[in-house]
Amino acid sequence: MLTSFSIVDQRLQSRDGIAGDGDLWIDLLEPQKDEEKAVEALCGIDVPTPEEMREIEFSSRLYHEDGAVFMTALVLSHTDKDDVISSPMTFILAGQRLITMRFHEPRFFTAFTKRAQKTAMAGASADSVLVSLLEACLDRLADIIERVAHDIDKLSSEVFTHTGDRRPGGLDYRTTLVNLGGKGDLLSDVRESLTTLDRLFGYLALEAAERRLDKDLKARIKTLSRDSRSLNDHLNFLSQKVTFLLDATLGLINIEQNGIIKIFSVAAVVFLPPTLIASIYGMNFHFMPELSWPWGYPLAIGGMVLSAILPYLFFKQKGWL
């Protein structure tokens, strides 16, 4: 799908297809071949293929070609099942036009286009739209990190508050491990996206100097770089916290398993002496002096009970129970 944006009454106005020279921004969403050729003919550039957009080399994501600037970054978006995925998005500055090429629908992109069509954008240019779009992308990443941080704090409270609680509603270690693993995967996707964006910001800062952009845009680009580095530092902290909680949860599982094994071990030791007495007097020998005792049976029962109580009291005194 091809959507073009132009400035009308200081606001972005969208239309399907290419309007012509008045287009400030052209968006390609899962474009068809004819749409790609139309953009290439209008701007005199070669639109990158999906395979080229997925290249991980720095030179394949940030480069000059045919007088245009190509910048590709990984951006997070949601699937129909609300799963978070990262997919490449390419930003192209071709003359006085901004061209975006993508194969997914990130939420920040939709929110930005709706807001830009309602808010006045005096003196808008392709560079200013690009910077505003990147700011919206970074704000979305910050929101995701903030939400993950809140979820991790909640998981941390559950791990250390309900430790050893086996009643209904107590801590489910399996669910906790699955949730922590999911948060770790999400942080990895955010880190990957943030890394590509940070490189893009650095490259864009160099381009801003060459294109002689105004001081306001240069300052906003520098702010983007500083914000991305601060988010990356916070991301490192959250990753370490997830690793700590995973280790703590596994340690608590081991402690609980050891407690269960200890109970069985103590039970085996407690019932061992009574079993020995019962085994002795259960032997089928004809000559056993105790068999003729009038009080032999009560004494044997009492001996078994006493031999079970004494080890239990010993373990209790030692604090092993």
C-alpha atoms as a PDB file:
ATOM      1  CA  MET A   1       0.000   0.000   0.000  1.00  0.00           C
ATOM      2  CA  LEU A   2       1.284   3.437  -0.929  1.00  0.00           C
ATOM      3  CA  THR A   3       0.241   6.521   1.043  1.00  0.00           C
ATOM      4  CA  SER A   4       1.497  10.036   0.390  1.00  0.00           C
ATOM      5  CA  PHE A   5       1.406  12.977   2.798  1.00  0.00           C
ATOM      6  CA  SER A   6       1.479  16.672   1.982  1.00  0.00           C
ATOM      7  CA  ILE A   7       1.089  19.844   4.036  1.00  0.00           C
ATOM      8  CA  VAL A   8      -2.348  21.458   3.828  1.00  0.00           C
ATOM      9  CA  ASP A   9      -3.145  24.324   6.218  1.00  0.00           C
ATOM     10  CA  GLN A  10      -0.016  23.473   8.239  1.00  0.00           C
ATOM     11  CA  ARG A  11      -1.237  19.905   8.790  1.00  0.00           C
ATOM     12  CA  LEU A  12      -0.341  16.608   7.190  1.00  0.00           C
ATOM     13  CA  GLN A  13      -2.958  15.366   4.789  1.00  0.00           C
ATOM     14  CA  SER A  14      -2.846  11.793   3.474  1.00  0.00           C
ATOM     15  CA  ARG A  15      -4.064  10.282   0.246  1.00  0.00           C
ATOM     16  CA  ASP A  16      -3.660   6.951  -1.478  1.00  0.00           C
ATOM     17  CA  GLY A  17      -1.120   6.944  -4.272  1.00  0.00           C
ATOM     18  CA  ILE A  18       1.343   9.641  -5.296  1.00  0.00           C
ATOM     19  CA  ALA A  19       0.112  13.217  -5.537  1.00  0.00           C
ATOM     20  CA  GLY A  20       3.192  14.545  -7.294  1.00  0.00           C
ATOM     21  CA  ASP A  21       5.667  17.295  -6.476  1.00  0.00           C
ATOM     22  CA  GLY A  22       3.642  18.384  -3.447  1.00  0.00           C
ATOM     23  CA  ASP A  23       4.349  15.152  -1.572  1.00  0.00           C
ATOM     24  CA  LEU A  24       6.425  15.699   1.559  1.00  0.00           C
ATOM     25  CA  TRP A  25       6.321  12.125   2.803  1.00  0.00           C
ATOM     26  CA  ILE A  26       5.634   8.834   1.014  1.00  0.00           C
ATOM     27  CA  ASP A  27       4.917   5.714   3.028  1.00  0.00           C
ATOM     28  CA  LEU A  28       5.265   2.233   1.535  1.00  0.00           C
ATOM     29  CA  LEU A  29       3.568  -0.533   3.523  1.00  0.00           C
ATOM     30  CA  GLU A  30       4.186  -3.982   2.024  1.00  0.00           C
ATOM     31  CA  PRO A  31       4.492  -2.314  -1.399  1.00  0.00           C
ATOM     32  CA  GLN A  32       3.701  -3.967  -4.700  1.00  0.00           C
ATOM     33  CA  LYS A  33       6.157  -3.887  -7.592  1.00  0.00           C
ATOM     34  CA  ASP A  34       4.276  -1.151  -9.432  1.00  0.00           C
ATOM     35  CA  GLU A  35       4.245   1.039  -6.293  1.00  0.00           C
ATOM     36  CA  GLU A  36       7.995   0.607  -5.845  1.00  0.00           C
ATOM     37  CA  LYS A  37       8.618   1.504  -9.496  1.00  0.00           C
ATOM     38  CA  ALA A  38       6.424   4.612  -9.182  1.00  0.00           C
ATOM     39  CA  VAL A  39       8.450   5.857  -6.190  1.00  0.00           C
ATOM     40  CA  GLU A  40      11.743   5.029  -7.891  1.00  0.00           C
ATOM     41  CA  ALA A  41      10.693   6.942 -11.010  1.00  0.00           C
ATOM     42  CA  LEU A  42       9.554   9.960  -8.985  1.00  0.00           C
ATOM     43  CA  CYS A  43      12.599  10.183  -6.678  1.00  0.00           C
ATOM     44  CA  GLY A  44      15.283   8.650  -8.896  1.00  0.00           C
ATOM     45  CA  ILE A  45      16.357   6.031  -6.354  1.00  0.00           C
ATOM     46  CA  ASP A  46      16.409   2.261  -5.990  1.00  0.00           C
ATOM     47  CA  VAL A  47      14.090   1.121  -3.207  1.00  0.00           C
ATOM     48  CA  PRO A  48      15.791  -1.562  -1.053  1.00  0.00           C
ATOM     49  CA  THR A  49      14.405  -5.093  -1.104  1.00  0.00           C
ATOM     50  CA  PRO A  50      13.212  -6.851   2.072  1.00  0.00           C
ATOM     51  CA  GLU A  51      16.364  -8.975   2.023  1.00  0.00           C
ATOM     52  CA  GLU A  52      18.558  -5.873   1.875  1.00  0.00           C
ATOM     53  CA  MET A  53      16.624  -4.311   4.760  1.00  0.00           C
ATOM     54  CA  ARG A  54      17.373  -7.363   6.931  1.00  0.00           C
ATOM     55  CA  GLU A  55      21.140  -7.146   6.390  1.00  0.00           C
ATOM     56  CA  ILE A  56      22.982  -6.721   9.683  1.00  0.00           C
ATOM     57  CA  GLU A  57      26.078  -4.984   8.320  1.00  0.00           C
ATOM     58  CA  PHE A  58      26.383  -1.333   9.299  1.00  0.00           C
ATOM     59  CA  SER A  59      27.153  -0.321   5.704  1.00  0.00           C
ATOM     60  CA  SER A  60      24.027  -2.113   4.451  1.00  0.00           C
ATOM     61  CA  ARG A  61      21.711  -0.231   6.787  1.00  0.00           C
ATOM     62  CA  LEU A  62      23.161   3.291   6.682  1.00  0.00           C
ATOM     63  CA  TYR A  63      24.455   4.546   3.343  1.00  0.00           C
ATOM     64  CA  HIS A  64      24.267   7.112   0.510  1.00  0.00           C
ATOM     65  CA  GLU A  65      23.068   6.182  -2.956  1.00  0.00           C
ATOM     66  CA  ASP A  66      21.895   8.249  -5.919  1.00  0.00           C
ATOM     67  CA  GLY A  67      22.011  11.428  -3.818  1.00  0.00           C
ATOM     68  CA  ALA A  68      19.654   9.988  -1.194  1.00  0.00           C
ATOM     69  CA  VAL A  69      20.270   8.897   2.400  1.00  0.00           C
ATOM     70  CA  PHE A  70      19.127   5.371   3.361  1.00  0.00           C
ATOM     71  CA  MET A  71      18.712   4.490   7.031  1.00  0.00           C
ATOM     72  CA  THR A  72      17.299   1.201   8.308  1.00  0.00           C
ATOM     73  CA  ALA A  73      16.476   0.292  11.908  1.00  0.00           C
ATOM     74  CA  LEU A  74      14.668  -2.530  13.659  1.00  0.00           C
ATOM     75  CA  VAL A  75      11.329  -1.370  15.045  1.00  0.00           C
ATOM     76  CA  LEU A  76       9.001  -3.221  17.416  1.00  0.00           C
ATOM     77  CA  SER A  77       5.417  -3.978  16.466  1.00  0.00           C
ATOM     78  CA  HIS A  78       2.600  -6.254  17.618  1.00  0.00           C
ATOM     79  CA  THR A  79       1.144  -9.249  15.794  1.00  0.00           C
ATOM     80  CA  ASP A  80      -2.535 -10.188  15.664  1.00  0.00           C
ATOM     81  CA  LYS A  81      -1.954 -12.272  18.812  1.00  0.00           C
ATOM     82  CA  ASP A  82      -0.417  -9.224  20.532  1.00  0.00           C
ATOM     83  CA  ASP A  83       3.063 -10.765  20.432  1.00  0.00           C
ATOM     84  CA  VAL A  84       5.945  -8.302  20.071  1.00  0.00           C
ATOM     85  CA  ILE A  85       8.209  -8.746  17.049  1.00  0.00           C
ATOM     86  CA  SER A  86      11.030  -6.677  15.581  1.00  0.00           C
ATOM     87  CA  SER A  87      11.053  -5.884  11.888  1.00  0.00           C
ATOM     88  CA  PRO A  88      13.198  -3.553   9.762  1.00  0.00           C
ATOM     89  CA  MET A  89      11.946  -0.138   8.682  1.00  0.00           C
ATOM     90  CA  THR A  90      13.815   1.998   6.178  1.00  0.00           C
ATOM     91  CA  PHE A  91      13.850   5.793   6.200  1.00  0.00           C
ATOM     92  CA  ILE A  92      14.960   7.484   2.967  1.00  0.00           C
ATOM     93  CA  LEU A  93      15.728  11.177   2.578  1.00  0.00           C
ATOM     94  CA  ALA A  94      15.540  11.868  -1.146  1.00  0.00           C
ATOM     95  CA  GLY A  95      15.808  15.584  -1.789  1.00  0.00           C
ATOM     96  CA  GLN A  96      12.888  17.299  -0.068  1.00  0.00           C
ATOM     97  CA  ARG A  97      10.967  14.055   0.467  1.00  0.00           C
ATOM     98  CA  LEU A  98      10.900  11.468   3.183  1.00  0.00           C
ATOM     99  CA  ILE A  99      10.171   7.900   2.150  1.00  0.00           C
ATOM    100  CA  THR A 100       9.413   5.183   4.682  1.00  0.00           C
ATOM    101  CA  MET A 101       9.337   1.521   3.762  1.00  0.00           C
ATOM    102  CA  ARG A 102       8.008  -1.117   6.119  1.00  0.00           C
ATOM    103  CA  PHE A 103       6.328  -4.505   6.243  1.00  0.00           C
ATOM    104  CA  HIS A 104       4.499  -4.196   9.539  1.00  0.00           C
ATOM    105  CA  GLU A 105       2.276  -1.747  11.426  1.00  0.00           C
ATOM    106  CA  PRO A 106       4.003  -0.447  14.575  1.00  0.00           C
ATOM    107  CA  ARG A 107       1.714   1.356  16.986  1.00  0.00           C
ATOM    108  CA  PHE A 108       3.874   4.470  17.247  1.00  0.00           C
ATOM    109  CA  PHE A 109       3.637   4.930  13.466  1.00  0.00           C
ATOM    110  CA  THR A 110      -0.160   4.873  13.443  1.00  0.00           C
ATOM    111  CA  ALA A 111      -0.358   7.157  16.476  1.00  0.00           C
ATOM    112  CA  PHE A 112       2.093   9.636  14.929  1.00  0.00           C
ATOM    113  CA  THR A 113       0.242   9.912  11.608  1.00  0.00           C
ATOM    114  CA  LYS A 114      -3.082  10.477  13.375  1.00  0.00           C
ATOM    115  CA  ARG A 115      -1.583  13.132  15.654  1.00  0.00           C
ATOM    116  CA  ALA A 116       0.287  14.859  12.817  1.00  0.00           C
ATOM    117  CA  GLN A 117      -2.929  15.237  10.843  1.00  0.00           C
ATOM    118  CA  LYS A 118      -4.566  17.030  13.777  1.00  0.00           C
ATOM    119  CA  THR A 119      -1.642  19.154  15.000  1.00  0.00           C
ATOM    120  CA  ALA A 120      -0.277  22.185  13.190  1.00  0.00           C
ATOM    121  CA  MET A 121       3.237  21.674  11.768  1.00  0.00           C
ATOM    122  CA  ALA A 122       4.457  25.116  10.768  1.00  0.00           C
ATOM    123  CA  GLY A 123       7.504  24.999   8.502  1.00  0.00           C
ATOM    124  CA  ALA A 124       7.388  21.202   8.217  1.00  0.00           C
ATOM    125  CA  SER A 125      10.051  19.536   6.086  1.00  0.00           C
ATOM    126  CA  ALA A 126      11.122  16.001   5.317  1.00  0.00           C
ATOM    127  CA  ASP A 127      13.884  16.281   7.938  1.00  0.00           C
ATOM    128  CA  SER A 128      11.533  17.550  10.644  1.00  0.00           C
ATOM    129  CA  VAL A 129       8.978  14.810   9.906  1.00  0.00           C
ATOM    130  CA  LEU A 130      11.740  12.213  10.113  1.00  0.00           C
ATOM    131  CA  VAL A 131      12.965  13.532  13.462  1.00  0.00           C
ATOM    132  CA  SER A 132       9.412  13.655  14.815  1.00  0.00           C
ATOM    133  CA  LEU A 133       8.821  10.097  13.650  1.00  0.00           C
ATOM    134  CA  LEU A 134      12.012   8.892  15.352  1.00  0.00           C
ATOM    135  CA  GLU A 135      11.018  10.717  18.541  1.00  0.00           C
ATOM    136  CA  ALA A 136       7.682   8.876  18.498  1.00  0.00           C
ATOM    137  CA  CYS A 137       9.523   5.586  17.975  1.00  0.00           C
ATOM    138  CA  LEU A 138      11.865   6.226  20.908  1.00  0.00           C
ATOM    139  CA  ASP A 139       8.959   7.309  23.116  1.00  0.00           C
ATOM    140  CA  ARG A 140       7.229   4.025  22.322  1.00  0.00           C
ATOM    141  CA  LEU A 141      10.345   2.073  23.305  1.00  0.00           C
ATOM    142  CA  ALA A 142      10.521   4.037  26.549  1.00  0.00           C
ATOM    143  CA  ASP A 143       6.883   3.128  27.274  1.00  0.00           C
ATOM    144  CA  ILE A 144       7.616  -0.555  26.652  1.00  0.00           C
ATOM    145  CA  ILE A 145      10.651  -0.448  28.947  1.00  0.00           C
ATOM    146  CA  GLU A 146       8.590   1.285  31.635  1.00  0.00           C
ATOM    147  CA  ARG A 147       5.872  -1.356  31.382  1.00  0.00           C
ATOM    148  CA  VAL A 148       8.407  -4.189  31.530  1.00  0.00           C
ATOM    149  CA  ALA A 149      10.053  -2.588  34.572  1.00  0.00           C
ATOM    150  CA  HIS A 150       6.675  -2.488  36.344  1.00  0.00           C
ATOM    151  CA  ASP A 151       6.022  -6.153  35.483  1.00  0.00           C
ATOM    152  CA  ILE A 152       9.479  -7.174  36.708  1.00  0.00           C
ATOM    153  CA  ASP A 153       8.930  -5.336  40.014  1.00  0.00           C
ATOM    154  CA  LYS A 154       5.633  -7.186  40.407  1.00  0.00           C
ATOM    155  CA  LEU A 155       7.303 -10.542  39.707  1.00  0.00           C
ATOM    156  CA  SER A 156      10.075  -9.694  42.166  1.00  0.00           C
ATOM    157  CA  SER A 157       7.516  -8.974  44.870  1.00  0.00           C
ATOM    158  CA  GLU A 158       5.745 -12.270  44.173  1.00  0.00           C
ATOM    159  CA  VAL A 159       8.983 -14.267  44.266  1.00  0.00           C
ATOM    160  CA  PHE A 160      10.198 -12.914  47.608  1.00  0.00           C
ATOM    161  CA  THR A 161       6.794 -12.488  49.272  1.00  0.00           C
ATOM    162  CA  HIS A 162       5.196 -15.865  48.590  1.00  0.00           C
ATOM    163  CA  THR A 163       8.333 -17.970  48.996  1.00  0.00           C
ATOM    164  CA  GLY A 164       7.476 -21.391  50.399  1.00  0.00           C
ATOM    165  CA  ASP A 165       3.719 -20.746  50.274  1.00  0.00           C
ATOM    166  CA  ARG A 166       2.225 -23.975  48.931  1.00  0.00           C
ATOM    167  CA  ARG A 167      -1.386 -23.096  49.648  1.00  0.00           C
ATOM    168  CA  PRO A 168      -3.828 -22.405  46.809  1.00  0.00           C
ATOM    169  CA  GLY A 169      -2.896 -19.036  45.377  1.00  0.00           C
ATOM    170  CA  GLY A 170       0.732 -19.393  46.444  1.00  0.00           C
ATOM    171  CA  LEU A 171       3.699 -18.891  44.134  1.00  0.00           C
ATOM    172  CA  ASP A 172       3.650 -21.010  40.968  1.00  0.00           C
ATOM    173  CA  TYR A 173       7.313 -21.399  40.074  1.00  0.00           C
ATOM    174  CA  ARG A 174       6.606 -22.714  36.575  1.00  0.00           C
ATOM    175  CA  THR A 175       4.476 -19.683  35.702  1.00  0.00           C
ATOM    176  CA  THR A 176       7.053 -17.363  37.275  1.00  0.00           C
ATOM    177  CA  LEU A 177       9.875 -18.834  35.168  1.00  0.00           C
ATOM    178  CA  VAL A 178       7.777 -18.561  32.001  1.00  0.00           C
ATOM    179  CA  ASN A 179       6.926 -14.921  32.764  1.00  0.00           C
ATOM    180  CA  LEU A 180      10.552 -14.041  33.517  1.00  0.00           C
ATOM    181  CA  GLY A 181      11.679 -15.723  30.318  1.00  0.00           C
ATOM    182  CA  GLY A 182       9.102 -13.732  28.352  1.00  0.00           C
ATOM    183  CA  LYS A 183      10.301 -10.468  29.885  1.00  0.00           C
ATOM    184  CA  GLY A 184      13.883 -11.407  29.066  1.00  0.00           C
ATOM    185  CA  ASP A 185      12.977 -12.067  25.417  1.00  0.00           C
ATOM    186  CA  LEU A 186      11.116  -8.760  25.205  1.00  0.00           C
ATOM    187  CA  LEU A 187      14.101  -6.892  26.664  1.00  0.00           C
ATOM    188  CA  SER A 188      16.344  -8.560  24.078  1.00  0.00           C
ATOM    189  CA  ASP A 189      14.084  -7.323  21.267  1.00  0.00           C
ATOM    190  CA  VAL A 190      14.050  -3.820  22.758  1.00  0.00           C
ATOM    191  CA  ARG A 191      17.839  -3.859  23.094  1.00  0.00           C
ATOM    192  CA  GLU A 192      18.244  -4.914  19.461  1.00  0.00           C
ATOM    193  CA  SER A 193      15.896  -2.183  18.280  1.00  0.00           C
ATOM    194  CA  LEU A 194      17.537   0.426  20.492  1.00  0.00           C
ATOM    195  CA  THR A 195      20.999  -0.509  19.224  1.00  0.00           C
ATOM    196  CA  THR A 196      20.007  -0.006  15.582  1.00  0.00           C
ATOM    197  CA  LEU A 197      18.257   3.264  16.418  1.00  0.00           C
ATOM    198  CA  ASP A 198      21.282   4.562  18.301  1.00  0.00           C
ATOM    199  CA  ARG A 199      23.452   3.921  15.243  1.00  0.00           C
ATOM    200  CA  LEU A 200      20.857   5.629  13.076  1.00  0.00           C
ATOM    201  CA  PHE A 201      20.858   8.698  15.349  1.00  0.00           C
ATOM    202  CA  GLY A 202      24.632   8.977  15.107  1.00  0.00           C
ATOM    203  CA  TYR A 203      24.511   8.691  11.329  1.00  0.00           C
ATOM    204  CA  LEU A 204      21.673  11.206  11.136  1.00  0.00           C
ATOM    205  CA  ALA A 205      23.668  13.683  13.243  1.00  0.00           C
ATOM    206  CA  LEU A 206      26.455  13.570  10.659  1.00  0.00           C
ATOM    207  CA  GLU A 207      23.933  14.035   7.869  1.00  0.00           C
ATOM    208  CA  ALA A 208      22.401  16.990   9.701  1.00  0.00           C
ATOM    209  CA  ALA A 209      25.763  18.732   9.671  1.00  0.00           C
ATOM    210  CA  GLU A 210      26.229  18.074   5.946  1.00  0.00           C
ATOM    211  CA  ARG A 211      22.674  19.088   5.066  1.00  0.00           C
ATOM    212  CA  ARG A 212      23.042  22.241   7.201  1.00  0.00           C
ATOM    213  CA  LEU A 213      19.869  21.742   9.131  1.00  0.00           C
ATOM    214  CA  ASP A 214      18.724  24.385  11.578  1.00  0.00           C
ATOM    215  CA  LYS A 215      19.930  24.335  15.167  1.00  0.00           C
ATOM    216  CA  ASP A 216      16.590  23.136  16.520  1.00  0.00           C
ATOM    217  CA  LEU A 217      16.659  19.919  14.486  1.00  0.00           C
ATOM    218  CA  LYS A 218      20.313  19.306  15.343  1.00  0.00           C
ATOM    219  CA  ALA A 219      19.518  19.734  19.031  1.00  0.00           C
ATOM    220  CA  ARG A 220      16.599  17.303  18.767  1.00  0.00           C
ATOM    221  CA  ILE A 221      18.819  14.721  17.091  1.00  0.00           C
ATOM    222  CA  LYS A 222      21.403  15.076  19.866  1.00  0.00           C
ATOM    223  CA  THR A 223      18.620  14.667  22.411  1.00  0.00           C
ATOM    224  CA  LEU A 224      17.569  11.456  20.675  1.00  0.00           C
ATOM    225  CA  SER A 225      21.107  10.116  20.999  1.00  0.00           C
ATOM    226  CA  ARG A 226      21.305  10.995  24.690  1.00  0.00           C
ATOM    227  CA  ASP A 227      17.872   9.500  25.381  1.00  0.00           C
ATOM    228  CA  SER A 228      18.737   6.260  23.576  1.00  0.00           C
ATOM    229  CA  ARG A 229      21.924   5.870  25.631  1.00  0.00           C
ATOM    230  CA  SER A 230      20.067   6.489  28.895  1.00  0.00           C
ATOM    231  CA  LEU A 231      17.402   3.968  27.898  1.00  0.00           C
ATOM    232  CA  ASN A 232      20.125   1.490  27.061  1.00  0.00           C
ATOM    233  CA  ASP A 233      21.629   1.931  30.542  1.00  0.00           C
ATOM    234  CA  HIS A 234      18.224   1.317  32.134  1.00  0.00           C
ATOM    235  CA  LEU A 235      17.792  -1.689  29.851  1.00  0.00           C
ATOM    236  CA  ASN A 236      21.058  -3.168  31.133  1.00  0.00           C
ATOM    237  CA  PHE A 237      19.813  -2.761  34.706  1.00  0.00           C
ATOM    238  CA  LEU A 238      16.526  -4.527  33.899  1.00  0.00           C
ATOM    239  CA  SER A 239      18.348  -7.357  32.126  1.00  0.00           C
ATOM    240  CA  GLN A 240      20.537  -7.899  35.174  1.00  0.00           C
ATOM    241  CA  LYS A 241      17.441  -7.863  37.386  1.00  0.00           C
ATOM    242  CA  VAL A 242      15.741 -10.500  35.227  1.00  0.00           C
ATOM    243  CA  THR A 243      18.868 -12.664  35.442  1.00  0.00           C
ATOM    244  CA  PHE A 244      18.944 -12.210  39.230  1.00  0.00           C
ATOM    245  CA  LEU A 245      15.256 -13.165  39.551  1.00  0.00           C
ATOM    246  CA  LEU A 246      15.783 -16.236  37.366  1.00  0.00           C
ATOM    247  CA  ASP A 247      18.687 -17.347  39.557  1.00  0.00           C
ATOM    248  CA  ALA A 248      16.707 -16.576  42.721  1.00  0.00           C
ATOM    249  CA  THR A 249      13.672 -18.521  41.504  1.00  0.00           C
ATOM    250  CA  LEU A 250      15.786 -21.527  40.563  1.00  0.00           C
ATOM    251  CA  GLY A 251      17.487 -21.308  43.971  1.00  0.00           C
ATOM    252  CA  LEU A 252      14.119 -21.244  45.737  1.00  0.00           C
ATOM    253  CA  ILE A 253      13.003 -24.271  43.725  1.00  0.00           C
ATOM    254  CA  ASN A 254      16.136 -26.129  44.851  1.00  0.00           C
ATOM    255  CA  ILE A 255      15.500 -25.129  48.465  1.00  0.00           C
ATOM    256  CA  GLU A 256      11.917 -26.369  48.287  1.00  0.00           C
ATOM    257  CA  GLN A 257      12.997 -29.634  46.660  1.00  0.00           C
ATOM    258  CA  ASN A 258      15.637 -30.107  49.369  1.00  0.00           C
ATOM    259  CA  GLY A 259      12.968 -29.516  52.030  1.00  0.00           C
ATOM    260  CA  ILE A 260      10.741 -32.185  50.507  1.00  0.00           C
ATOM    261  CA  ILE A 261      13.631 -34.648  50.270  1.00  0.00           C
ATOM    262  CA  LYS A 262      14.545 -33.877  53.895  1.00  0.00           C
ATOM    263  CA  ILE A 263      11.024 -34.769  55.021  1.00  0.00           C
ATOM    264  CA  PHE A 264      11.225 -38.123  53.291  1.00  0.00           C
ATOM    265  CA  SER A 265      14.690 -38.738  54.732  1.00  0.00           C
ATOM    266  CA  VAL A 266      13.534 -37.977  58.286  1.00  0.00           C
ATOM    267  CA  ALA A 267      10.440 -40.162  57.808  1.00  0.00           C
ATOM    268  CA  ALA A 268      12.666 -43.030  56.651  1.00  0.00           C
ATOM    269  CA  VAL A 269      14.927 -42.651  59.715  1.00  0.00           C
ATOM    270  CA  VAL A 270      11.954 -42.387  62.107  1.00  0.00           C
ATOM    271  CA  PHE A 271      10.318 -45.574  60.827  1.00  0.00           C
ATOM    272  CA  LEU A 272      13.555 -47.544  60.520  1.00  0.00           C
ATOM    273  CA  PRO A 273      13.816 -48.661  64.233  1.00  0.00           C
ATOM    274  CA  PRO A 274      10.131 -49.755  64.451  1.00  0.00           C
ATOM    275  CA  THR A 275      10.597 -51.654  61.215  1.00  0.00           C
ATOM    276  CA  LEU A 276      13.670 -53.382  62.683  1.00  0.00           C
ATOM    277  CA  ILE A 277      11.757 -54.454  65.826  1.00  0.00           C
ATOM    278  CA  ALA A 278       8.796 -55.652  63.771  1.00  0.00           C
ATOM    279  CA  SER A 279      11.147 -57.581  61.482  1.00  0.00           C
ATOM    280  CA  ILE A 280      12.870 -59.318  64.396  1.00  0.00           C
ATOM    281  CA  TYR A 281       9.644 -60.480  66.017  1.00  0.00           C
ATOM    282  CA  GLY A 282       8.147 -61.360  62.696  1.00  0.00           C
ATOM    283  CA  MET A 283      10.722 -64.078  62.081  1.00  0.00           C
ATOM    284  CA  ASN A 284       9.307 -67.642  62.011  1.00  0.00           C
ATOM    285  CA  PHE A 285      11.703 -69.323  64.468  1.00  0.00           C
ATOM    286  CA  HIS A 286      10.167 -71.890  66.821  1.00  0.00           C
ATOM    287  CA  PHE A 287      12.345 -71.081  69.809  1.00  0.00           C
ATOM    288  CA  MET A 288      12.041 -67.380  70.640  1.00  0.00           C
ATOM    289  CA  PRO A 289      11.959 -66.630  74.417  1.00  0.00           C
ATOM    290  CA  GLU A 290       9.835 -63.506  73.992  1.00  0.00           C
ATOM    291  CA  LEU A 291       7.012 -65.442  72.327  1.00  0.00           C
ATOM    292  CA  SER A 292       6.053 -66.973  75.666  1.00  0.00           C
ATOM    293  CA  TRP A 293       6.039 -63.667  77.585  1.00  0.00           C
ATOM    294  CA  PRO A 294       2.555 -62.546  78.671  1.00  0.00           C
ATOM    295  CA  TRP A 295       3.539 -58.896  78.065  1.00  0.00           C
ATOM    296  CA  GLY A 296       5.635 -59.568  74.949  1.00  0.00           C
ATOM    297  CA  TYR A 297       3.186 -58.076  72.460  1.00  0.00           C
ATOM    298  CA  PRO A 298       2.575 -54.770  74.368  1.00  0.00           C
ATOM    299  CA  LEU A 299       6.327 -54.446  74.977  1.00  0.00           C
ATOM    300  CA  ALA A 300       7.061 -54.881  71.260  1.00  0.00           C
ATOM    301  CA  ILE A 301       4.429 -52.292  70.317  1.00  0.00           C
ATOM    302  CA  GLY A 302       5.736 -49.900  72.952  1.00  0.00           C
ATOM    303  CA  GLY A 303       9.306 -50.417  71.763  1.00  0.00           C
ATOM    304  CA  MET A 304       8.306 -49.583  68.187  1.00  0.00           C
ATOM    305  CA  VAL A 305       6.456 -46.415  69.255  1.00  0.00           C
ATOM    306  CA  LEU A 306       9.327 -45.296  71.504  1.00  0.00           C
ATOM    307  CA  SER A 307      11.939 -45.989  68.813  1.00  0.00           C
ATOM    308  CA  ALA A 308       9.959 -43.772  66.417  1.00  0.00           C
ATOM    309  CA  ILE A 309       9.478 -40.917  68.905  1.00  0.00           C
ATOM    310  CA  LEU A 310      13.123 -40.683  70.043  1.00  0.00           C
ATOM    311  CA  PRO A 311      14.633 -39.935  66.573  1.00  0.00           C
ATOM    312  CA  TYR A 312      11.872 -37.372  65.937  1.00  0.00           C
ATOM    313  CA  LEU A 313      12.619 -35.568  69.207  1.00  0.00           C
ATOM    314  CA  PHE A 314      16.354 -35.663  68.431  1.00  0.00           C
ATOM    315  CA  PHE A 315      15.862 -34.089  65.005  1.00  0.00           C
ATOM    316  CA  LYS A 316      13.522 -31.511  66.490  1.00  0.00           C
ATOM    317  CA  GLN A 317      16.073 -30.540  69.150  1.00  0.00           C
ATOM    318  CA  LYS A 318      18.789 -30.135  66.514  1.00  0.00           C
ATOM    319  CA  GLY A 319      16.548 -27.868  64.438  1.00  0.00           C
ATOM    320  CA  TRP A 320      16.597 -30.166  61.427  1.00  0.00           C
ATOM    321  CA  LEU A 321      12.799 -30.099  61.141  1.00  0.00           C
END
